Amino acid sequence: GFLTPENLAIEENRYGAAGVNPQVVWTNGTLA
């Protein structure tokens, strides 16, 4: 249920661009 037709369709309508999102080192490090 992480990938759904709805969230894929939103990006498809935006030509596949995810956009520029804020990122921070401590959250990246935790997920890594």
Full PDB file with SEQRES, HELIX, SHEET, SSBOND, CRYST1, ORIGX, SCALE, CONECT and MASTER records, all heavy atoms in Angstrom:
SEQRES   1 A   32  GLY PHE LEU THR PRO GLU ASN LEU ALA ILE GLU GLU ASN          
SEQRES   2 A   32  ARG TYR GLY ALA ALA GLY VAL ASN PRO GLN VAL VAL TRP          
SEQRES   3 A   32  THR ASN GLY THR LEU ALA                                      
HELIX    1 AA1 PRO A    5  ASN A   13  1                                   9    
HELIX    2 AA2 VAL A   25  LEU A   31  1                                   7    
CRYST1    1.000    1.000    1.000  90.00  90.00  90.00 P 1           1          
ORIGX1      1.000000  0.000000  0.000000        0.00000                         
ORIGX2      0.000000  1.000000  0.000000        0.00000                         
ORIGX3      0.000000  0.000000  1.000000        0.00000                         
SCALE1      1.000000  0.000000  0.000000        0.00000                         
SCALE2      0.000000  1.000000  0.000000        0.00000                         
SCALE3      0.000000  0.000000  1.000000        0.00000                         
ATOM      1  N   GLY A   1       0.796  -1.220   0.000  1.00  0.00           N  
ATOM      2  CA  GLY A   1       0.000   0.000   0.000  1.00  0.00           C  
ATOM      3  C   GLY A   1       0.826   1.267   0.000  1.00  0.00           C  
ATOM      4  O   GLY A   1       0.284   2.368   0.131  1.00  0.00           O  
ATOM      5  N   PHE A   2       2.145   1.138  -0.172  1.00  0.00           N  
ATOM      6  CA  PHE A   2       2.989   2.329  -0.260  1.00  0.00           C  
ATOM      7  C   PHE A   2       2.896   2.961  -1.641  1.00  0.00           C  
ATOM      8  O   PHE A   2       2.805   4.182  -1.777  1.00  0.00           O  
ATOM      9  CB  PHE A   2       4.444   1.983   0.072  1.00  0.00           C  
ATOM     10  CG  PHE A   2       5.371   3.166  -0.022  1.00  0.00           C  
ATOM     11  CD1 PHE A   2       5.348   4.151   0.958  1.00  0.00           C  
ATOM     12  CD2 PHE A   2       6.248   3.305  -1.077  1.00  0.00           C  
ATOM     13  CE1 PHE A   2       6.191   5.251   0.887  1.00  0.00           C  
ATOM     14  CE2 PHE A   2       7.094   4.402  -1.167  1.00  0.00           C  
ATOM     15  CZ  PHE A   2       7.063   5.379  -0.184  1.00  0.00           C  
ATOM     16  N   LEU A   3       2.938   2.130  -2.680  1.00  0.00           N  
ATOM     17  CA  LEU A   3       2.708   2.605  -4.044  1.00  0.00           C  
ATOM     18  C   LEU A   3       1.250   2.359  -4.396  1.00  0.00           C  
ATOM     19  O   LEU A   3       0.768   1.228  -4.318  1.00  0.00           O  
ATOM     20  CB  LEU A   3       3.622   1.877  -5.038  1.00  0.00           C  
ATOM     21  CG  LEU A   3       5.125   2.129  -4.904  1.00  0.00           C  
ATOM     22  CD1 LEU A   3       5.897   1.300  -5.918  1.00  0.00           C  
ATOM     23  CD2 LEU A   3       5.456   3.609  -5.065  1.00  0.00           C  
ATOM     24  N   THR A   4       0.551   3.417  -4.780  1.00  0.00           N  
ATOM     25  CA  THR A   4      -0.864   3.307  -5.124  1.00  0.00           C  
ATOM     26  C   THR A   4      -1.119   3.946  -6.473  1.00  0.00           C  
ATOM     27  O   THR A   4      -0.341   4.801  -6.927  1.00  0.00           O  
ATOM     28  CB  THR A   4      -1.741   4.012  -4.073  1.00  0.00           C  
ATOM     29  OG1 THR A   4      -1.487   5.434  -4.127  1.00  0.00           O  
ATOM     30  CG2 THR A   4      -1.444   3.499  -2.667  1.00  0.00           C  
ATOM     31  N   PRO A   5      -2.186   3.573  -7.156  1.00  0.00           N  
ATOM     32  CA  PRO A   5      -2.512   4.231  -8.422  1.00  0.00           C  
ATOM     33  C   PRO A   5      -2.664   5.743  -8.270  1.00  0.00           C  
ATOM     34  O   PRO A   5      -2.312   6.500  -9.178  1.00  0.00           O  
ATOM     35  CB  PRO A   5      -3.845   3.578  -8.819  1.00  0.00           C  
ATOM     36  CG  PRO A   5      -3.829   2.244  -8.153  1.00  0.00           C  
ATOM     37  CD  PRO A   5      -3.110   2.465  -6.847  1.00  0.00           C  
ATOM     38  N   GLU A   6      -3.137   6.170  -7.103  1.00  0.00           N  
ATOM     39  CA  GLU A   6      -3.368   7.596  -6.880  1.00  0.00           C  
ATOM     40  C   GLU A   6      -2.059   8.374  -6.818  1.00  0.00           C  
ATOM     41  O   GLU A   6      -1.898   9.392  -7.510  1.00  0.00           O  
ATOM     42  CB  GLU A   6      -4.166   7.807  -5.594  1.00  0.00           C  
ATOM     43  CG  GLU A   6      -5.605   7.319  -5.634  1.00  0.00           C  
ATOM     44  CD  GLU A   6      -5.729   5.809  -5.544  1.00  0.00           C  
ATOM     45  OE1 GLU A   6      -4.765   5.154  -5.067  1.00  0.00           O  
ATOM     46  OE2 GLU A   6      -6.777   5.267  -5.950  1.00  0.00           O  
ATOM     47  N   ASN A   7      -1.100   7.913  -5.987  1.00  0.00           N  
ATOM     48  CA  ASN A   7       0.124   8.702  -5.888  1.00  0.00           C  
ATOM     49  C   ASN A   7       0.997   8.577  -7.140  1.00  0.00           C  
ATOM     50  O   ASN A   7       1.725   9.511  -7.482  1.00  0.00           O  
ATOM     51  CB  ASN A   7       0.916   8.375  -4.604  1.00  0.00           C  
ATOM     52  CG  ASN A   7       1.285   6.915  -4.458  1.00  0.00           C  
ATOM     53  OD1 ASN A   7       1.569   6.232  -5.419  1.00  0.00           O  
ATOM     54  ND2 ASN A   7       1.276   6.438  -3.206  1.00  0.00           N  
ATOM     55  N   LEU A   8       0.894   7.457  -7.849  1.00  0.00           N  
ATOM     56  CA  LEU A   8       1.614   7.347  -9.113  1.00  0.00           C  
ATOM     57  C   LEU A   8       0.995   8.252 -10.180  1.00  0.00           C  
ATOM     58  O   LEU A   8       1.705   8.859 -10.984  1.00  0.00           O  
ATOM     59  CB  LEU A   8       1.626   5.897  -9.597  1.00  0.00           C  
ATOM     60  CG  LEU A   8       2.496   4.943  -8.779  1.00  0.00           C  
ATOM     61  CD1 LEU A   8       2.219   3.498  -9.178  1.00  0.00           C  
ATOM     62  CD2 LEU A   8       3.976   5.258  -8.976  1.00  0.00           C  
ATOM     63  N   ALA A   9      -0.330   8.350 -10.179  1.00  0.00           N  
ATOM     64  CA  ALA A   9      -1.008   9.190 -11.167  1.00  0.00           C  
ATOM     65  C   ALA A   9      -0.679  10.662 -10.964  1.00  0.00           C  
ATOM     66  O   ALA A   9      -0.532  11.420 -11.927  1.00  0.00           O  
ATOM     67  CB  ALA A   9      -2.520   8.980 -11.096  1.00  0.00           C  
ATOM     68  N   ILE A  10      -0.541  11.087  -9.713  1.00  0.00           N  
ATOM     69  CA  ILE A  10      -0.202  12.484  -9.433  1.00  0.00           C  
ATOM     70  C   ILE A  10       1.136  12.841 -10.063  1.00  0.00           C  
ATOM     71  O   ILE A  10       1.286  13.868 -10.727  1.00  0.00           O  
ATOM     72  CB  ILE A  10      -0.184  12.735  -7.914  1.00  0.00           C  
ATOM     73  CG1 ILE A  10      -1.605  12.676  -7.360  1.00  0.00           C  
ATOM     74  CG2 ILE A  10       0.449  14.086  -7.596  1.00  0.00           C  
ATOM     75  CD1 ILE A  10      -1.665  12.736  -5.844  1.00  0.00           C  
ATOM     76  N   GLU A  11       2.119  11.973  -9.878  1.00  0.00           N  
ATOM     77  CA  GLU A  11       3.428  12.249 -10.469  1.00  0.00           C  
ATOM     78  C   GLU A  11       3.405  12.118 -11.986  1.00  0.00           C  
ATOM     79  O   GLU A  11       4.099  12.844 -12.691  1.00  0.00           O  
ATOM     80  CB  GLU A  11       4.480  11.321  -9.876  1.00  0.00           C  
ATOM     81  CG  GLU A  11       4.864  11.706  -8.461  1.00  0.00           C  
ATOM     82  CD  GLU A  11       6.080  10.958  -7.960  1.00  0.00           C  
ATOM     83  OE1 GLU A  11       6.647  10.145  -8.708  1.00  0.00           O  
ATOM     84  OE2 GLU A  11       6.456  11.209  -6.817  1.00  0.00           O  
ATOM     85  N   GLU A  12       2.612  11.176 -12.494  1.00  0.00           N  
ATOM     86  CA  GLU A  12       2.495  11.027 -13.944  1.00  0.00           C  
ATOM     87  C   GLU A  12       1.948  12.302 -14.558  1.00  0.00           C  
ATOM     88  O   GLU A  12       2.426  12.767 -15.605  1.00  0.00           O  
ATOM     89  CB  GLU A  12       1.591   9.846 -14.274  1.00  0.00           C  
ATOM     90  CG  GLU A  12       1.427   9.571 -15.774  1.00  0.00           C  
ATOM     91  CD  GLU A  12       2.713   9.069 -16.400  1.00  0.00           C  
ATOM     92  OE1 GLU A  12       3.555   8.504 -15.690  1.00  0.00           O  
ATOM     93  OE2 GLU A  12       2.866   9.259 -17.630  1.00  0.00           O  
ATOM     94  N   ASN A  13       0.967  12.901 -13.915  1.00  0.00           N  
ATOM     95  CA  ASN A  13       0.399  14.147 -14.416  1.00  0.00           C  
ATOM     96  C   ASN A  13       1.370  15.312 -14.312  1.00  0.00           C  
ATOM     97  O   ASN A  13       1.222  16.314 -15.004  1.00  0.00           O  
ATOM     98  CB  ASN A  13      -0.887  14.479 -13.652  1.00  0.00           C  
ATOM     99  CG  ASN A  13      -2.005  13.501 -13.960  1.00  0.00           C  
ATOM    100  OD1 ASN A  13      -2.026  12.887 -15.030  1.00  0.00           O  
ATOM    101  ND2 ASN A  13      -2.925  13.317 -13.023  1.00  0.00           N  
ATOM    102  N   ARG A  14       2.363  15.167 -13.447  1.00  0.00           N  
ATOM    103  CA  ARG A  14       3.408  16.188 -13.339  1.00  0.00           C  
ATOM    104  C   ARG A  14       4.650  15.785 -14.130  1.00  0.00           C  
ATOM    105  O   ARG A  14       5.751  16.222 -13.841  1.00  0.00           O  
ATOM    106  CB  ARG A  14       3.782  16.392 -11.867  1.00  0.00           C  
ATOM    107  CG  ARG A  14       2.643  16.980 -11.030  1.00  0.00           C  
ATOM    108  CD  ARG A  14       3.036  17.044  -9.562  1.00  0.00           C  
ATOM    109  NE  ARG A  14       1.951  17.596  -8.744  1.00  0.00           N  
ATOM    110  CZ  ARG A  14       1.964  17.604  -7.419  1.00  0.00           C  
ATOM    111  NH1 ARG A  14       2.984  17.106  -6.756  1.00  0.00           N  
ATOM    112  NH2 ARG A  14       0.947  18.127  -6.746  1.00  0.00           N  
ATOM    113  N   TYR A  15       4.471  14.891 -15.097  1.00  0.00           N  
ATOM    114  CA  TYR A  15       5.551  14.424 -15.970  1.00  0.00           C  
ATOM    115  C   TYR A  15       6.652  13.706 -15.194  1.00  0.00           C  
ATOM    116  O   TYR A  15       7.823  13.775 -15.541  1.00  0.00           O  
ATOM    117  CB  TYR A  15       6.134  15.592 -16.770  1.00  0.00           C  
ATOM    118  CG  TYR A  15       5.091  16.331 -17.570  1.00  0.00           C  
ATOM    119  CD1 TYR A  15       4.559  17.522 -17.115  1.00  0.00           C  
ATOM    120  CD2 TYR A  15       4.618  15.811 -18.772  1.00  0.00           C  
ATOM    121  CE1 TYR A  15       3.576  18.191 -17.838  1.00  0.00           C  
ATOM    122  CE2 TYR A  15       3.639  16.477 -19.502  1.00  0.00           C  
ATOM    123  CZ  TYR A  15       3.119  17.659 -19.032  1.00  0.00           C  
ATOM    124  OH  TYR A  15       2.149  18.319 -19.745  1.00  0.00           O  
ATOM    125  N   GLY A  16       6.254  13.025 -14.127  1.00  0.00           N  
ATOM    126  CA  GLY A  16       7.194  12.190 -13.390  1.00  0.00           C  
ATOM    127  C   GLY A  16       8.119  12.938 -12.466  1.00  0.00           C  
ATOM    128  O   GLY A  16       8.998  12.345 -11.850  1.00  0.00           O  
ATOM    129  N   ALA A  17       7.967  14.253 -12.323  1.00  0.00           N  
ATOM    130  CA  ALA A  17       8.878  15.024 -11.478  1.00  0.00           C  
ATOM    131  C   ALA A  17       8.440  14.953 -10.024  1.00  0.00           C  
ATOM    132  O   ALA A  17       7.294  15.222  -9.700  1.00  0.00           O  
ATOM    133  CB  ALA A  17       8.919  16.479 -11.929  1.00  0.00           C  
ATOM    134  N   ALA A  18       9.374  14.573  -9.160  1.00  0.00           N  
ATOM    135  CA  ALA A  18       9.073  14.499  -7.734  1.00  0.00           C  
ATOM    136  C   ALA A  18       9.199  15.857  -7.063  1.00  0.00           C  
ATOM    137  O   ALA A  18       8.714  16.060  -5.958  1.00  0.00           O  
ATOM    138  CB  ALA A  18      10.016  13.505  -7.048  1.00  0.00           C  
ATOM    139  N   GLY A  19       9.869  16.775  -7.729  1.00  0.00           N  
ATOM    140  CA  GLY A  19      10.040  18.106  -7.153  1.00  0.00           C  
ATOM    141  C   GLY A  19      11.231  18.162  -6.221  1.00  0.00           C  
ATOM    142  O   GLY A  19      11.861  17.161  -5.899  1.00  0.00           O  
ATOM    143  N   VAL A  20      11.586  19.364  -5.790  1.00  0.00           N  
ATOM    144  CA  VAL A  20      12.704  19.576  -4.889  1.00  0.00           C  
ATOM    145  C   VAL A  20      12.160  19.656  -3.465  1.00  0.00           C  
ATOM    146  O   VAL A  20      11.428  20.580  -3.125  1.00  0.00           O  
ATOM    147  CB  VAL A  20      13.468  20.859  -5.252  1.00  0.00           C  
ATOM    148  CG1 VAL A  20      14.609  21.080  -4.264  1.00  0.00           C  
ATOM    149  CG2 VAL A  20      13.997  20.782  -6.679  1.00  0.00           C  
ATOM    150  N   ASN A  21      12.497  18.659  -2.638  1.00  0.00           N  
ATOM    151  CA  ASN A  21      11.987  18.591  -1.275  1.00  0.00           C  
ATOM    152  C   ASN A  21      13.093  18.904  -0.281  1.00  0.00           C  
ATOM    153  O   ASN A  21      14.264  18.572  -0.512  1.00  0.00           O  
ATOM    154  CB  ASN A  21      11.426  17.198  -0.982  1.00  0.00           C  
ATOM    155  CG  ASN A  21      10.210  16.885  -1.840  1.00  0.00           C  
ATOM    156  OD1 ASN A  21       9.375  17.750  -2.062  1.00  0.00           O  
ATOM    157  ND2 ASN A  21      10.133  15.653  -2.308  1.00  0.00           N  
ATOM    158  N   PRO A  22      12.759  19.501   0.852  1.00  0.00           N  
ATOM    159  CA  PRO A  22      13.763  19.736   1.893  1.00  0.00           C  
ATOM    160  C   PRO A  22      14.337  18.410   2.389  1.00  0.00           C  
ATOM    161  O   PRO A  22      13.633  17.408   2.494  1.00  0.00           O  
ATOM    162  CB  PRO A  22      12.968  20.447   2.997  1.00  0.00           C  
ATOM    163  CG  PRO A  22      11.743  20.981   2.327  1.00  0.00           C  
ATOM    164  CD  PRO A  22      11.436  20.028   1.222  1.00  0.00           C  
ATOM    165  N   GLN A  23      15.623  18.418   2.713  1.00  0.00           N  
ATOM    166  CA  GLN A  23      16.305  17.241   3.227  1.00  0.00           C  
ATOM    167  C   GLN A  23      17.247  17.679   4.334  1.00  0.00           C  
ATOM    168  O   GLN A  23      17.855  18.752   4.249  1.00  0.00           O  
ATOM    169  CB  GLN A  23      17.115  16.554   2.114  1.00  0.00           C  
ATOM    170  CG  GLN A  23      16.303  16.077   0.927  1.00  0.00           C  
ATOM    171  CD  GLN A  23      15.603  14.774   1.200  1.00  0.00           C  
ATOM    172  OE1 GLN A  23      16.197  13.850   1.742  1.00  0.00           O  
ATOM    173  NE2 GLN A  23      14.340  14.687   0.834  1.00  0.00           N  
ATOM    174  N   VAL A  24      17.402  16.840   5.356  1.00  0.00           N  
ATOM    175  CA  VAL A  24      18.304  17.157   6.458  1.00  0.00           C  
ATOM    176  C   VAL A  24      19.141  15.929   6.807  1.00  0.00           C  
ATOM    177  O   VAL A  24      18.699  14.793   6.673  1.00  0.00           O  
ATOM    178  CB  VAL A  24      17.545  17.649   7.703  1.00  0.00           C  
ATOM    179  CG1 VAL A  24      16.976  19.036   7.472  1.00  0.00           C  
ATOM    180  CG2 VAL A  24      16.425  16.691   8.095  1.00  0.00           C  
ATOM    181  N   VAL A  25      20.358  16.190   7.264  1.00  0.00           N  
ATOM    182  CA  VAL A  25      21.335  15.128   7.420  1.00  0.00           C  
ATOM    183  C   VAL A  25      20.941  14.134   8.507  1.00  0.00           C  
ATOM    184  O   VAL A  25      21.206  12.923   8.371  1.00  0.00           O  
ATOM    185  CB  VAL A  25      22.739  15.731   7.694  1.00  0.00           C  
ATOM    186  CG1 VAL A  25      22.782  16.410   9.062  1.00  0.00           C  
ATOM    187  CG2 VAL A  25      23.831  14.689   7.554  1.00  0.00           C  
ATOM    188  N   TRP A  26      20.311  14.588   9.598  1.00  0.00           N  
ATOM    189  CA  TRP A  26      20.036  13.640  10.686  1.00  0.00           C  
ATOM    190  C   TRP A  26      18.929  12.655  10.318  1.00  0.00           C  
ATOM    191  O   TRP A  26      19.003  11.478  10.671  1.00  0.00           O  
ATOM    192  CB  TRP A  26      19.733  14.384  11.978  1.00  0.00           C  
ATOM    193  CG  TRP A  26      18.521  15.276  11.979  1.00  0.00           C  
ATOM    194  CD1 TRP A  26      17.230  14.941  12.295  1.00  0.00           C  
ATOM    195  CD2 TRP A  26      18.494  16.665  11.642  1.00  0.00           C  
ATOM    196  NE1 TRP A  26      16.405  16.027  12.182  1.00  0.00           N  
ATOM    197  CE2 TRP A  26      17.153  17.108  11.778  1.00  0.00           C  
ATOM    198  CE3 TRP A  26      19.465  17.591  11.243  1.00  0.00           C  
ATOM    199  CZ2 TRP A  26      16.758  18.417  11.530  1.00  0.00           C  
ATOM    200  CZ3 TRP A  26      19.079  18.900  11.000  1.00  0.00           C  
ATOM    201  CH2 TRP A  26      17.744  19.303  11.147  1.00  0.00           C  
ATOM    202  N   THR A  27      17.916  13.121   9.581  1.00  0.00           N  
ATOM    203  CA  THR A  27      16.868  12.191   9.152  1.00  0.00           C  
ATOM    204  C   THR A  27      17.398  11.236   8.098  1.00  0.00           C  
ATOM    205  O   THR A  27      17.113  10.031   8.127  1.00  0.00           O  
ATOM    206  CB  THR A  27      15.656  12.957   8.622  1.00  0.00           C  
ATOM    207  OG1 THR A  27      15.236  13.915   9.596  1.00  0.00           O  
ATOM    208  CG2 THR A  27      14.499  12.017   8.334  1.00  0.00           C  
ATOM    209  N   ASN A  28      18.173  11.754   7.137  1.00  0.00           N  
ATOM    210  CA  ASN A  28      18.810  10.876   6.158  1.00  0.00           C  
ATOM    211  C   ASN A  28      19.655   9.812   6.842  1.00  0.00           C  
ATOM    212  O   ASN A  28      19.638   8.631   6.468  1.00  0.00           O  
ATOM    213  CB  ASN A  28      19.700  11.679   5.216  1.00  0.00           C  
ATOM    214  CG  ASN A  28      18.933  12.485   4.190  1.00  0.00           C  
ATOM    215  OD1 ASN A  28      19.380  13.551   3.767  1.00  0.00           O  
ATOM    216  ND2 ASN A  28      17.776  12.007   3.758  1.00  0.00           N  
ATOM    217  N   GLY A  29      20.402  10.221   7.876  1.00  0.00           N  
ATOM    218  CA  GLY A  29      21.266   9.276   8.573  1.00  0.00           C  
ATOM    219  C   GLY A  29      20.490   8.208   9.314  1.00  0.00           C  
ATOM    220  O   GLY A  29      20.886   7.037   9.338  1.00  0.00           O  
ATOM    221  N   THR A  30      19.377   8.581   9.932  1.00  0.00           N  
ATOM    222  CA  THR A  30      18.550   7.602  10.638  1.00  0.00           C  
ATOM    223  C   THR A  30      17.989   6.569   9.673  1.00  0.00           C  
ATOM    224  O   THR A  30      18.038   5.355   9.930  1.00  0.00           O  
ATOM    225  CB  THR A  30      17.405   8.303  11.382  1.00  0.00           C  
ATOM    226  OG1 THR A  30      17.946   9.238  12.310  1.00  0.00           O  
ATOM    227  CG2 THR A  30      16.544   7.292  12.127  1.00  0.00           C  
ATOM    228  N   LEU A  31      17.455   7.034   8.546  1.00  0.00           N  
ATOM    229  CA  LEU A  31      16.891   6.112   7.560  1.00  0.00           C  
ATOM    230  C   LEU A  31      17.972   5.221   6.960  1.00  0.00           C  
ATOM    231  O   LEU A  31      17.741   4.023   6.734  1.00  0.00           O  
ATOM    232  CB  LEU A  31      16.181   6.906   6.463  1.00  0.00           C  
ATOM    233  CG  LEU A  31      14.917   7.651   6.911  1.00  0.00           C  
ATOM    234  CD1 LEU A  31      14.451   8.609   5.824  1.00  0.00           C  
ATOM    235  CD2 LEU A  31      13.801   6.675   7.262  1.00  0.00           C  
ATOM    236  N   ALA A  32      19.140   5.788   6.696  1.00  0.00           N  
ATOM    237  CA  ALA A  32      20.244   4.987   6.166  1.00  0.00           C  
ATOM    238  C   ALA A  32      20.648   3.897   7.150  1.00  0.00           C  
ATOM    239  O   ALA A  32      20.924   2.754   6.764  1.00  0.00           O  
ATOM    240  CB  ALA A  32      21.437   5.884   5.841  1.00  0.00           C  
TER     241      ALA A  32                                                      
MASTER        0    0    0    2    0    0    0    6  240    1    0    3          
END                                                                             
